[in-house]
Amino acid sequence: MRKTFKYRLYPTKQQKTLLNKTLESCRFLYNEFLEERNQIYNTYKFSLNYYDQQNHIPTLKKEFPELNFVHSQVLRDVAKRVDLAYQAFFRRLKAGEKPGFPRFRGKDRYDS
């Protein structure tokens, strides 16, 4: 039997600011990874996978210094989310369902 617990957080203003910066950085990276996959496929007809994008994170950290403040495991999770979105898209496409291509996330559309 599994048990789950929910804990309510009461962050200070400084912690809220830091959490929002982290969330914004993750949203930015998610959109960057989507753009990268679309661009590589449209240009070279080659598909990127999770490991390609995970290995690209250090380069992105040099290019965008705000990513240095986010823990590396969190950034890898963003790459995993993009990969899962594409896997689900291709699974739905194969099954003949309405595929729903992965979309870019707006300001209020990325919340975890």
PDB file of N, CA and C in Angstrom:
ATOM      1  N   MET A   1       0.842  -1.167   0.000  1.00  0.00           N
ATOM      2  CA  MET A   1       0.000   0.000   0.000  1.00  0.00           C
ATOM      3  C   MET A   1       0.893   1.239   0.000  1.00  0.00           C
ATOM      4  N   ARG A   2       0.578   2.157  -0.899  1.00  0.00           N
ATOM      5  CA  ARG A   2       1.340   3.401  -0.977  1.00  0.00           C
ATOM      6  C   ARG A   2       0.640   4.482  -0.179  1.00  0.00           C
ATOM      7  N   LYS A   3       1.441   5.260   0.475  1.00  0.00           N
ATOM      8  CA  LYS A   3       0.899   6.416   1.186  1.00  0.00           C
ATOM      9  C   LYS A   3       1.583   7.656   0.645  1.00  0.00           C
ATOM     10  N   THR A   4       0.826   8.677   0.466  1.00  0.00           N
ATOM     11  CA  THR A   4       1.400   9.943   0.029  1.00  0.00           C
ATOM     12  C   THR A   4       1.056  11.009   1.056  1.00  0.00           C
ATOM     13  N   PHE A   5       1.912  11.961   1.133  1.00  0.00           N
ATOM     14  CA  PHE A   5       1.713  13.072   2.048  1.00  0.00           C
ATOM     15  C   PHE A   5       1.848  14.377   1.282  1.00  0.00           C
ATOM     16  N   LYS A   6       1.033  15.329   1.625  1.00  0.00           N
ATOM     17  CA  LYS A   6       1.138  16.663   1.061  1.00  0.00           C
ATOM     18  C   LYS A   6       1.602  17.594   2.162  1.00  0.00           C
ATOM     19  N   TYR A   7       2.589  18.383   1.827  1.00  0.00           N
ATOM     20  CA  TYR A   7       3.100  19.353   2.787  1.00  0.00           C
ATOM     21  C   TYR A   7       2.877  20.746   2.224  1.00  0.00           C
ATOM     22  N   ARG A   8       2.360  21.590   3.017  1.00  0.00           N
ATOM     23  CA  ARG A   8       2.130  22.977   2.617  1.00  0.00           C
ATOM     24  C   ARG A   8       3.389  23.775   2.924  1.00  0.00           C
ATOM     25  N   LEU A   9       3.864  24.533   1.948  1.00  0.00           N
ATOM     26  CA  LEU A   9       5.039  25.371   2.146  1.00  0.00           C
ATOM     27  C   LEU A   9       4.605  26.814   2.402  1.00  0.00           C
ATOM     28  N   TYR A  10       5.304  27.453   3.278  1.00  0.00           N
ATOM     29  CA  TYR A  10       5.077  28.866   3.549  1.00  0.00           C
ATOM     30  C   TYR A  10       6.399  29.595   3.339  1.00  0.00           C
ATOM     31  N   PRO A  11       6.764  29.833   2.060  1.00  0.00           N
ATOM     32  CA  PRO A  11       8.068  30.462   1.809  1.00  0.00           C
ATOM     33  C   PRO A  11       8.067  31.950   2.152  1.00  0.00           C
ATOM     34  N   THR A  12       9.242  32.430   2.485  1.00  0.00           N
ATOM     35  CA  THR A  12       9.413  33.861   2.718  1.00  0.00           C
ATOM     36  C   THR A  12       9.430  34.565   1.364  1.00  0.00           C
ATOM     37  N   LYS A  13       9.452  35.883   1.372  1.00  0.00           N
ATOM     38  CA  LYS A  13       9.483  36.638   0.115  1.00  0.00           C
ATOM     39  C   LYS A  13      10.730  36.307  -0.699  1.00  0.00           C
ATOM     40  N   GLN A  14      11.840  36.184  -0.009  1.00  0.00           N
ATOM     41  CA  GLN A  14      13.094  35.862  -0.687  1.00  0.00           C
ATOM     42  C   GLN A  14      13.030  34.461  -1.311  1.00  0.00           C
ATOM     43  N   GLN A  15      12.451  33.524  -0.593  1.00  0.00           N
ATOM     44  CA  GLN A  15      12.305  32.165  -1.119  1.00  0.00           C
ATOM     45  C   GLN A  15      11.326  32.129  -2.294  1.00  0.00           C
ATOM     46  N   LYS A  16      10.251  32.904  -2.203  1.00  0.00           N
ATOM     47  CA  LYS A  16       9.301  32.984  -3.313  1.00  0.00           C
ATOM     48  C   LYS A  16       9.981  33.502  -4.572  1.00  0.00           C
ATOM     49  N   THR A  17      10.810  34.524  -4.403  1.00  0.00           N
ATOM     50  CA  THR A  17      11.530  35.090  -5.531  1.00  0.00           C
ATOM     51  C   THR A  17      12.447  34.044  -6.160  1.00  0.00           C
ATOM     52  N   LEU A  18      13.157  33.321  -5.333  1.00  0.00           N
ATOM     53  CA  LEU A  18      14.068  32.292  -5.824  1.00  0.00           C
ATOM     54  C   LEU A  18      13.299  31.159  -6.514  1.00  0.00           C
ATOM     55  N   LEU A  19      12.178  30.748  -5.944  1.00  0.00           N
ATOM     56  CA  LEU A  19      11.366  29.705  -6.570  1.00  0.00           C
ATOM     57  C   LEU A  19      10.816  30.158  -7.918  1.00  0.00           C
ATOM     58  N   ASN A  20      10.380  31.406  -8.002  1.00  0.00           N
ATOM     59  CA  ASN A  20       9.866  31.932  -9.263  1.00  0.00           C
ATOM     60  C   ASN A  20      10.963  32.030 -10.325  1.00  0.00           C
ATOM     61  N   LYS A  21      12.182  32.416  -9.910  1.00  0.00           N
ATOM     62  CA  LYS A  21      13.304  32.464 -10.855  1.00  0.00           C
ATOM     63  C   LYS A  21      13.622  31.063 -11.382  1.00  0.00           C
ATOM     64  N   THR A  22      13.587  30.092 -10.488  1.00  0.00           N
ATOM     65  CA  THR A  22      13.851  28.708 -10.893  1.00  0.00           C
ATOM     66  C   THR A  22      12.793  28.222 -11.870  1.00  0.00           C
ATOM     67  N   LEU A  23      11.539  28.501 -11.560  1.00  0.00           N
ATOM     68  CA  LEU A  23      10.442  28.095 -12.434  1.00  0.00           C
ATOM     69  C   LEU A  23      10.536  28.776 -13.796  1.00  0.00           C
ATOM     70  N   GLU A  24      10.878  30.047 -13.800  1.00  0.00           N
ATOM     71  CA  GLU A  24      11.018  30.785 -15.058  1.00  0.00           C
ATOM     72  C   GLU A  24      12.181  30.235 -15.881  1.00  0.00           C
ATOM     73  N   SER A  25      13.277  29.887 -15.225  1.00  0.00           N
ATOM     74  CA  SER A  25      14.423  29.307 -15.930  1.00  0.00           C
ATOM     75  C   SER A  25      14.061  27.952 -16.533  1.00  0.00           C
ATOM     76  N   CYS A  26      13.288  27.167 -15.802  1.00  0.00           N
ATOM     77  CA  CYS A  26      12.861  25.861 -16.305  1.00  0.00           C
ATOM     78  C   CYS A  26      11.924  26.015 -17.498  1.00  0.00           C
ATOM     79  N   ARG A  27      11.022  26.986 -17.424  1.00  0.00           N
ATOM     80  CA  ARG A  27      10.113  27.244 -18.547  1.00  0.00           C
ATOM     81  C   ARG A  27      10.892  27.680 -19.777  1.00  0.00           C
ATOM     82  N   PHE A  28      11.871  28.554 -19.565  1.00  0.00           N
ATOM     83  CA  PHE A  28      12.719  29.007 -20.661  1.00  0.00           C
ATOM     84  C   PHE A  28      13.451  27.827 -21.299  1.00  0.00           C
ATOM     85  N   LEU A  29      14.009  26.948 -20.466  1.00  0.00           N
ATOM     86  CA  LEU A  29      14.750  25.799 -20.971  1.00  0.00           C
ATOM     87  C   LEU A  29      13.829  24.835 -21.717  1.00  0.00           C
ATOM     88  N   TYR A  30      12.619  24.629 -21.214  1.00  0.00           N
ATOM     89  CA  TYR A  30      11.646  23.771 -21.883  1.00  0.00           C
ATOM     90  C   TYR A  30      11.374  24.287 -23.297  1.00  0.00           C
ATOM     91  N   ASN A  31      11.107  25.584 -23.398  1.00  0.00           N
ATOM     92  CA  ASN A  31      10.844  26.182 -24.700  1.00  0.00           C
ATOM     93  C   ASN A  31      12.081  26.122 -25.595  1.00  0.00           C
ATOM     94  N   GLU A  32      13.247  26.291 -25.010  1.00  0.00           N
ATOM     95  CA  GLU A  32      14.503  26.220 -25.768  1.00  0.00           C
ATOM     96  C   GLU A  32      14.702  24.810 -26.331  1.00  0.00           C
ATOM     97  N   PHE A  33      14.417  23.800 -25.522  1.00  0.00           N
ATOM     98  CA  PHE A  33      14.555  22.414 -25.979  1.00  0.00           C
ATOM     99  C   PHE A  33      13.552  22.086 -27.080  1.00  0.00           C
ATOM    100  N   LEU A  34      12.318  22.572 -26.951  1.00  0.00           N
ATOM    101  CA  LEU A  34      11.325  22.358 -28.008  1.00  0.00           C
ATOM    102  C   LEU A  34      11.785  23.000 -29.313  1.00  0.00           C
ATOM    103  N   GLU A  35      12.261  24.233 -29.215  1.00  0.00           N
ATOM    104  CA  GLU A  35      12.745  24.945 -30.399  1.00  0.00           C
ATOM    105  C   GLU A  35      13.917  24.206 -31.033  1.00  0.00           C
ATOM    106  N   GLU A  36      14.817  23.716 -30.203  1.00  0.00           N
ATOM    107  CA  GLU A  36      15.987  22.998 -30.700  1.00  0.00           C
ATOM    108  C   GLU A  36      15.574  21.734 -31.455  1.00  0.00           C
ATOM    109  N   ARG A  37      14.651  20.982 -30.880  1.00  0.00           N
ATOM    110  CA  ARG A  37      14.187  19.758 -31.552  1.00  0.00           C
ATOM    111  C   ARG A  37      13.515  20.073 -32.874  1.00  0.00           C
ATOM    112  N   ASN A  38      12.662  21.099 -32.891  1.00  0.00           N
ATOM    113  CA  ASN A  38      11.976  21.474 -34.132  1.00  0.00           C
ATOM    114  C   ASN A  38      12.973  21.938 -35.184  1.00  0.00           C
ATOM    115  N   GLN A  39      13.916  22.747 -34.781  1.00  0.00           N
ATOM    116  CA  GLN A  39      14.892  23.302 -35.716  1.00  0.00           C
ATOM    117  C   GLN A  39      15.803  22.218 -36.296  1.00  0.00           C
ATOM    118  N   ILE A  40      16.296  21.320 -35.451  1.00  0.00           N
ATOM    119  CA  ILE A  40      17.164  20.238 -35.928  1.00  0.00           C
ATOM    120  C   ILE A  40      16.407  19.334 -36.888  1.00  0.00           C
ATOM    121  N   TYR A  41      15.163  19.016 -36.550  1.00  0.00           N
ATOM    122  CA  TYR A  41      14.399  18.131 -37.425  1.00  0.00           C
ATOM    123  C   TYR A  41      14.089  18.799 -38.761  1.00  0.00           C
ATOM    124  N   ASN A  42      13.679  20.066 -38.733  1.00  0.00           N
ATOM    125  CA  ASN A  42      13.345  20.763 -39.973  1.00  0.00           C
ATOM    126  C   ASN A  42      14.564  20.988 -40.854  1.00  0.00           C
ATOM    127  N   THR A  43      15.732  21.167 -40.251  1.00  0.00           N
ATOM    128  CA  THR A  43      16.947  21.428 -41.019  1.00  0.00           C
ATOM    129  C   THR A  43      17.612  20.146 -41.520  1.00  0.00           C
ATOM    130  N   TYR A  44      17.800  19.207 -40.604  1.00  0.00           N
ATOM    131  CA  TYR A  44      18.597  18.012 -40.938  1.00  0.00           C
ATOM    132  C   TYR A  44      17.779  16.734 -41.033  1.00  0.00           C
ATOM    133  N   LYS A  45      16.479  16.779 -40.765  1.00  0.00           N
ATOM    134  CA  LYS A  45      15.623  15.594 -40.736  1.00  0.00           C
ATOM    135  C   LYS A  45      16.189  14.540 -39.785  1.00  0.00           C
ATOM    136  N   PHE A  46      16.699  15.004 -38.666  1.00  0.00           N
ATOM    137  CA  PHE A  46      17.293  14.166 -37.635  1.00  0.00           C
ATOM    138  C   PHE A  46      16.581  14.476 -36.335  1.00  0.00           C
ATOM    139  N   SER A  47      16.293  13.449 -35.560  1.00  0.00           N
ATOM    140  CA  SER A  47      15.563  13.642 -34.318  1.00  0.00           C
ATOM    141  C   SER A  47      16.499  13.575 -33.112  1.00  0.00           C
ATOM    142  N   LEU A  48      16.388  14.540 -32.223  1.00  0.00           N
ATOM    143  CA  LEU A  48      17.168  14.524 -30.987  1.00  0.00           C
ATOM    144  C   LEU A  48      16.447  13.669 -29.949  1.00  0.00           C
ATOM    145  N   ASN A  49      17.209  13.156 -28.999  1.00  0.00           N
ATOM    146  CA  ASN A  49      16.593  12.416 -27.904  1.00  0.00           C
ATOM    147  C   ASN A  49      16.988  13.052 -26.577  1.00  0.00           C
ATOM    148  N   TYR A  50      16.566  12.433 -25.496  1.00  0.00           N
ATOM    149  CA  TYR A  50      16.811  12.960 -24.159  1.00  0.00           C
ATOM    150  C   TYR A  50      18.299  13.159 -23.882  1.00  0.00           C
ATOM    151  N   TYR A  51      19.107  12.178 -24.239  1.00  0.00           N
ATOM    152  CA  TYR A  51      20.533  12.231 -23.926  1.00  0.00           C
ATOM    153  C   TYR A  51      21.258  13.316 -24.715  1.00  0.00           C
ATOM    154  N   ASP A  52      20.832  13.542 -25.957  1.00  0.00           N
ATOM    155  CA  ASP A  52      21.427  14.629 -26.745  1.00  0.00           C
ATOM    156  C   ASP A  52      21.182  15.969 -26.064  1.00  0.00           C
ATOM    157  N   GLN A  53      19.961  16.170 -25.611  1.00  0.00           N
ATOM    158  CA  GLN A  53      19.636  17.443 -24.988  1.00  0.00           C
ATOM    159  C   GLN A  53      20.226  17.554 -23.594  1.00  0.00           C
ATOM    160  N   GLN A  54      20.299  16.463 -22.879  1.00  0.00           N
ATOM    161  CA  GLN A  54      20.908  16.484 -21.549  1.00  0.00           C
ATOM    162  C   GLN A  54      22.385  16.855 -21.663  1.00  0.00           C
ATOM    163  N   ASN A  55      23.061  16.347 -22.669  1.00  0.00           N
ATOM    164  CA  ASN A  55      24.474  16.657 -22.860  1.00  0.00           C
ATOM    165  C   ASN A  55      24.690  18.085 -23.352  1.00  0.00           C
ATOM    166  N   HIS A  56      23.635  18.713 -23.820  1.00  0.00           N
ATOM    167  CA  HIS A  56      23.717  20.093 -24.314  1.00  0.00           C
ATOM    168  C   HIS A  56      23.528  21.129 -23.195  1.00  0.00           C
ATOM    169  N   ILE A  57      23.121  20.686 -22.010  1.00  0.00           N
ATOM    170  CA  ILE A  57      22.853  21.601 -20.895  1.00  0.00           C
ATOM    171  C   ILE A  57      24.082  22.421 -20.495  1.00  0.00           C
ATOM    172  N   PRO A  58      25.294  21.835 -20.369  1.00  0.00           N
ATOM    173  CA  PRO A  58      26.455  22.661 -19.998  1.00  0.00           C
ATOM    174  C   PRO A  58      26.734  23.795 -20.987  1.00  0.00           C
ATOM    175  N   THR A  59      26.511  23.551 -22.264  1.00  0.00           N
ATOM    176  CA  THR A  59      26.690  24.603 -23.271  1.00  0.00           C
ATOM    177  C   THR A  59      25.661  25.710 -23.070  1.00  0.00           C
ATOM    178  N   LEU A  60      24.434  25.312 -22.782  1.00  0.00           N
ATOM    179  CA  LEU A  60      23.385  26.306 -22.544  1.00  0.00           C
ATOM    180  C   LEU A  60      23.659  27.107 -21.279  1.00  0.00           C
ATOM    181  N   LYS A  61      24.254  26.469 -20.276  1.00  0.00           N
ATOM    182  CA  LYS A  61      24.591  27.186 -19.043  1.00  0.00           C
ATOM    183  C   LYS A  61      25.623  28.282 -19.317  1.00  0.00           C
ATOM    184  N   LYS A  62      26.547  28.026 -20.232  1.00  0.00           N
ATOM    185  CA  LYS A  62      27.528  29.052 -20.589  1.00  0.00           C
ATOM    186  C   LYS A  62      26.875  30.180 -21.374  1.00  0.00           C
ATOM    187  N   GLU A  63      25.927  29.805 -22.221  1.00  0.00           N
ATOM    188  CA  GLU A  63      25.248  30.783 -23.061  1.00  0.00           C
ATOM    189  C   GLU A  63      24.236  31.621 -22.272  1.00  0.00           C
ATOM    190  N   PHE A  64      23.557  30.993 -21.317  1.00  0.00           N
ATOM    191  CA  PHE A  64      22.545  31.663 -20.501  1.00  0.00           C
ATOM    192  C   PHE A  64      22.915  31.496 -19.029  1.00  0.00           C
ATOM    193  N   PRO A  65      23.617  32.460 -18.429  1.00  0.00           N
ATOM    194  CA  PRO A  65      24.123  32.321 -17.054  1.00  0.00           C
ATOM    195  C   PRO A  65      23.044  32.153 -15.987  1.00  0.00           C
ATOM    196  N   GLU A  66      21.805  32.556 -16.264  1.00  0.00           N
ATOM    197  CA  GLU A  66      20.753  32.405 -15.249  1.00  0.00           C
ATOM    198  C   GLU A  66      20.443  30.930 -14.977  1.00  0.00           C
ATOM    199  N   LEU A  67      20.833  30.035 -15.885  1.00  0.00           N
ATOM    200  CA  LEU A  67      20.618  28.605 -15.663  1.00  0.00           C
ATOM    201  C   LEU A  67      21.586  28.032 -14.627  1.00  0.00           C
ATOM    202  N   ASN A  68      22.651  28.755 -14.323  1.00  0.00           N
ATOM    203  CA  ASN A  68      23.622  28.283 -13.332  1.00  0.00           C
ATOM    204  C   ASN A  68      23.046  28.256 -11.921  1.00  0.00           C
ATOM    205  N   PHE A  69      21.967  28.987 -11.683  1.00  0.00           N
ATOM    206  CA  PHE A  69      21.377  29.047 -10.349  1.00  0.00           C
ATOM    207  C   PHE A  69      20.379  27.918 -10.099  1.00  0.00           C
ATOM    208  N   VAL A  70      20.110  27.118 -11.134  1.00  0.00           N
ATOM    209  CA  VAL A  70      19.171  26.005 -11.017  1.00  0.00           C
ATOM    210  C   VAL A  70      19.973  24.715 -10.909  1.00  0.00           C
ATOM    211  N   HIS A  71      19.560  23.843 -10.016  1.00  0.00           N
ATOM    212  CA  HIS A  71      20.263  22.585  -9.800  1.00  0.00           C
ATOM    213  C   HIS A  71      20.231  21.734 -11.071  1.00  0.00           C
ATOM    214  N   SER A  72      21.304  21.014 -11.321  1.00  0.00           N
ATOM    215  CA  SER A  72      21.447  20.256 -12.567  1.00  0.00           C
ATOM    216  C   SER A  72      20.375  19.174 -12.719  1.00  0.00           C
ATOM    217  N   GLN A  73      19.962  18.547 -11.613  1.00  0.00           N
ATOM    218  CA  GLN A  73      18.927  17.520 -11.705  1.00  0.00           C
ATOM    219  C   GLN A  73      17.593  18.107 -12.160  1.00  0.00           C
ATOM    220  N   VAL A  74      17.336  19.331 -11.771  1.00  0.00           N
ATOM    221  CA  VAL A  74      16.098  20.005 -12.179  1.00  0.00           C
ATOM    222  C   VAL A  74      16.148  20.280 -13.685  1.00  0.00           C
ATOM    223  N   LEU A  75      17.293  20.685 -14.178  1.00  0.00           N
ATOM    224  CA  LEU A  75      17.441  20.943 -15.612  1.00  0.00           C
ATOM    225  C   LEU A  75      17.314  19.654 -16.418  1.00  0.00           C
ATOM    226  N   ARG A  76      17.838  18.563 -15.892  1.00  0.00           N
ATOM    227  CA  ARG A  76      17.687  17.271 -16.578  1.00  0.00           C
ATOM    228  C   ARG A  76      16.225  16.842 -16.611  1.00  0.00           C
ATOM    229  N   ASP A  77      15.504  17.166 -15.547  1.00  0.00           N
ATOM    230  CA  ASP A  77      14.087  16.831 -15.513  1.00  0.00           C
ATOM    231  C   ASP A  77      13.318  17.581 -16.601  1.00  0.00           C
ATOM    232  N   VAL A  78      13.742  18.793 -16.897  1.00  0.00           N
ATOM    233  CA  VAL A  78      13.104  19.560 -17.973  1.00  0.00           C
ATOM    234  C   VAL A  78      13.335  18.846 -19.303  1.00  0.00           C
ATOM    235  N   ALA A  79      14.554  18.369 -19.529  1.00  0.00           N
ATOM    236  CA  ALA A  79      14.842  17.626 -20.760  1.00  0.00           C
ATOM    237  C   ALA A  79      14.000  16.351 -20.822  1.00  0.00           C
ATOM    238  N   LYS A  80      13.811  15.713 -19.680  1.00  0.00           N
ATOM    239  CA  LYS A  80      12.995  14.493 -19.625  1.00  0.00           C
ATOM    240  C   LYS A  80      11.536  14.805 -19.954  1.00  0.00           C
ATOM    241  N   ARG A  81      11.032  15.943 -19.463  1.00  0.00           N
ATOM    242  CA  ARG A  81       9.651  16.339 -19.757  1.00  0.00           C
ATOM    243  C   ARG A  81       9.431  16.549 -21.253  1.00  0.00           C
ATOM    244  N   VAL A  82      10.400  17.180 -21.902  1.00  0.00           N
ATOM    245  CA  VAL A  82      10.293  17.403 -23.347  1.00  0.00           C
ATOM    246  C   VAL A  82      10.302  16.055 -24.066  1.00  0.00           C
ATOM    247  N   ASP A  83      11.183  15.169 -23.647  1.00  0.00           N
ATOM    248  CA  ASP A  83      11.269  13.852 -24.268  1.00  0.00           C
ATOM    249  C   ASP A  83       9.967  13.076 -24.085  1.00  0.00           C
ATOM    250  N   LEU A  84       9.391  13.120 -22.893  1.00  0.00           N
ATOM    251  CA  LEU A  84       8.126  12.433 -22.644  1.00  0.00           C
ATOM    252  C   LEU A  84       6.987  13.037 -23.470  1.00  0.00           C
ATOM    253  N   ALA A  85       7.003  14.346 -23.652  1.00  0.00           N
ATOM    254  CA  ALA A  85       5.974  14.998 -24.469  1.00  0.00           C
ATOM    255  C   ALA A  85       6.054  14.509 -25.914  1.00  0.00           C
ATOM    256  N   TYR A  86       7.266  14.367 -26.441  1.00  0.00           N
ATOM    257  CA  TYR A  86       7.425  13.873 -27.805  1.00  0.00           C
ATOM    258  C   TYR A  86       7.071  12.394 -27.905  1.00  0.00           C
ATOM    259  N   GLN A  87       7.438  11.604 -26.899  1.00  0.00           N
ATOM    260  CA  GLN A  87       7.071  10.188 -26.914  1.00  0.00           C
ATOM    261  C   GLN A  87       5.562  10.020 -26.918  1.00  0.00           C
ATOM    262  N   ALA A  88       4.872  10.795 -26.105  1.00  0.00           N
ATOM    263  CA  ALA A  88       3.410  10.730 -26.062  1.00  0.00           C
ATOM    264  C   ALA A  88       2.806  11.178 -27.392  1.00  0.00           C
ATOM    265  N   PHE A  89       3.392  12.193 -28.015  1.00  0.00           N
ATOM    266  CA  PHE A  89       2.918  12.681 -29.310  1.00  0.00           C
ATOM    267  C   PHE A  89       3.012  11.575 -30.362  1.00  0.00           C
ATOM    268  N   PHE A  90       4.171  10.914 -30.432  1.00  0.00           N
ATOM    269  CA  PHE A  90       4.344   9.865 -31.440  1.00  0.00           C
ATOM    270  C   PHE A  90       3.511   8.626 -31.120  1.00  0.00           C
ATOM    271  N   ARG A  91       3.292   8.336 -29.850  1.00  0.00           N
ATOM    272  CA  ARG A  91       2.440   7.217 -29.470  1.00  0.00           C
ATOM    273  C   ARG A  91       1.001   7.472 -29.928  1.00  0.00           C
ATOM    274  N   ARG A  92       0.505   8.705 -29.694  1.00  0.00           N
ATOM    275  CA  ARG A  92      -0.854   9.051 -30.124  1.00  0.00           C
ATOM    276  C   ARG A  92      -0.964   9.054 -31.646  1.00  0.00           C
ATOM    277  N   LEU A  93       0.085   9.489 -32.321  1.00  0.00           N
ATOM    278  CA  LEU A  93       0.101   9.517 -33.775  1.00  0.00           C
ATOM    279  C   LEU A  93      -0.007   8.094 -34.327  1.00  0.00           C
ATOM    280  N   LYS A  94       0.748   7.174 -33.744  1.00  0.00           N
ATOM    281  CA  LYS A  94       0.720   5.774 -34.170  1.00  0.00           C
ATOM    282  C   LYS A  94      -0.628   5.127 -33.912  1.00  0.00           C
ATOM    283  N   ALA A  95      -1.249   5.486 -32.799  1.00  0.00           N
ATOM    284  CA  ALA A  95      -2.523   4.879 -32.419  1.00  0.00           C
ATOM    285  C   ALA A  95      -3.700   5.455 -33.198  1.00  0.00           C
ATOM    286  N   GLY A  96      -3.470   6.482 -33.992  1.00  0.00           N
ATOM    287  CA  GLY A  96      -4.535   7.081 -34.779  1.00  0.00           C
ATOM    288  C   GLY A  96      -5.382   8.072 -34.005  1.00  0.00           C
ATOM    289  N   GLU A  97      -4.942   8.446 -32.823  1.00  0.00           N
ATOM    290  CA  GLU A  97      -5.662   9.440 -32.038  1.00  0.00           C
ATOM    291  C   GLU A  97      -5.286  10.837 -32.515  1.00  0.00           C
ATOM    292  N   LYS A  98      -5.944  11.839 -31.955  1.00  0.00           N
ATOM    293  CA  LYS A  98      -5.571  13.214 -32.247  1.00  0.00           C
ATOM    294  C   LYS A  98      -4.235  13.471 -31.559  1.00  0.00           C
ATOM    295  N   PRO A  99      -3.154  13.720 -32.331  1.00  0.00           N
ATOM    296  CA  PRO A  99      -1.817  13.705 -31.738  1.00  0.00           C
ATOM    297  C   PRO A  99      -1.508  14.833 -30.764  1.00  0.00           C
ATOM    298  N   GLY A 100      -1.853  16.066 -31.052  1.00  0.00           N
ATOM    299  CA  GLY A 100      -1.546  17.165 -30.140  1.00  0.00           C
ATOM    300  C   GLY A 100      -0.052  17.405 -30.004  1.00  0.00           C
ATOM    301  N   PHE A 101       0.537  18.092 -30.960  1.00  0.00           N
ATOM    302  CA  PHE A 101       1.971  18.370 -30.968  1.00  0.00           C
ATOM    303  C   PHE A 101       2.395  19.140 -29.713  1.00  0.00           C
ATOM    304  N   PRO A 102       3.554  18.821 -29.127  1.00  0.00           N
ATOM    305  CA  PRO A 102       4.008  19.542 -27.919  1.00  0.00           C
ATOM    306  C   PRO A 102       4.107  21.051 -28.170  1.00  0.00           C
ATOM    307  N   ARG A 103       3.558  21.829 -27.232  1.00  0.00           N
ATOM    308  CA  ARG A 103       3.485  23.275 -27.407  1.00  0.00           C
ATOM    309  C   ARG A 103       4.477  24.002 -26.510  1.00  0.00           C
ATOM    310  N   PHE A 104       4.787  25.211 -26.922  1.00  0.00           N
ATOM    311  CA  PHE A 104       5.615  26.082 -26.098  1.00  0.00           C
ATOM    312  C   PHE A 104       4.806  26.517 -24.887  1.00  0.00           C
ATOM    313  N   ARG A 105       5.476  26.742 -23.783  1.00  0.00           N
ATOM    314  CA  ARG A 105       4.813  27.109 -22.540  1.00  0.00           C
ATOM    315  C   ARG A 105       4.892  28.608 -22.314  1.00  0.00           C
ATOM    316  N   GLY A 106       3.742  29.200 -22.075  1.00  0.00           N
ATOM    317  CA  GLY A 106       3.682  30.620 -21.765  1.00  0.00           C
ATOM    318  C   GLY A 106       3.980  30.873 -20.296  1.00  0.00           C
ATOM    319  N   LYS A 107       3.894  32.116 -19.903  1.00  0.00           N
ATOM    320  CA  LYS A 107       4.243  32.528 -18.542  1.00  0.00           C
ATOM    321  C   LYS A 107       3.470  31.752 -17.475  1.00  0.00           C
ATOM    322  N   ASP A 108       2.183  31.547 -17.676  1.00  0.00           N
ATOM    323  CA  ASP A 108       1.365  30.871 -16.672  1.00  0.00           C
ATOM    324  C   ASP A 108       1.079  29.411 -17.014  1.00  0.00           C
ATOM    325  N   ARG A 109       1.787  28.861 -17.987  1.00  0.00           N
ATOM    326  CA  ARG A 109       1.526  27.507 -18.433  1.00  0.00           C
ATOM    327  C   ARG A 109       2.593  26.496 -18.017  1.00  0.00           C
ATOM    328  N   TYR A 110       3.505  26.902 -17.165  1.00  0.00           N
ATOM    329  CA  TYR A 110       4.531  25.986 -16.659  1.00  0.00           C
ATOM    330  C   TYR A 110       4.567  26.184 -15.161  1.00  0.00           C
ATOM    331  N   ASP A 111       4.084  25.187 -14.407  1.00  0.00           N
ATOM    332  CA  ASP A 111       3.892  25.431 -12.988  1.00  0.00           C
ATOM    333  C   ASP A 111       4.519  24.400 -12.062  1.00  0.00           C
ATOM    334  N   SER A 112       5.415  23.568 -12.562  1.00  0.00           N
ATOM    335  CA  SER A 112       6.059  22.618 -11.633  1.00  0.00           C
ATOM    336  C   SER A 112       7.447  22.261 -12.113  1.00  0.00           C
TER     337      SER A 112
END
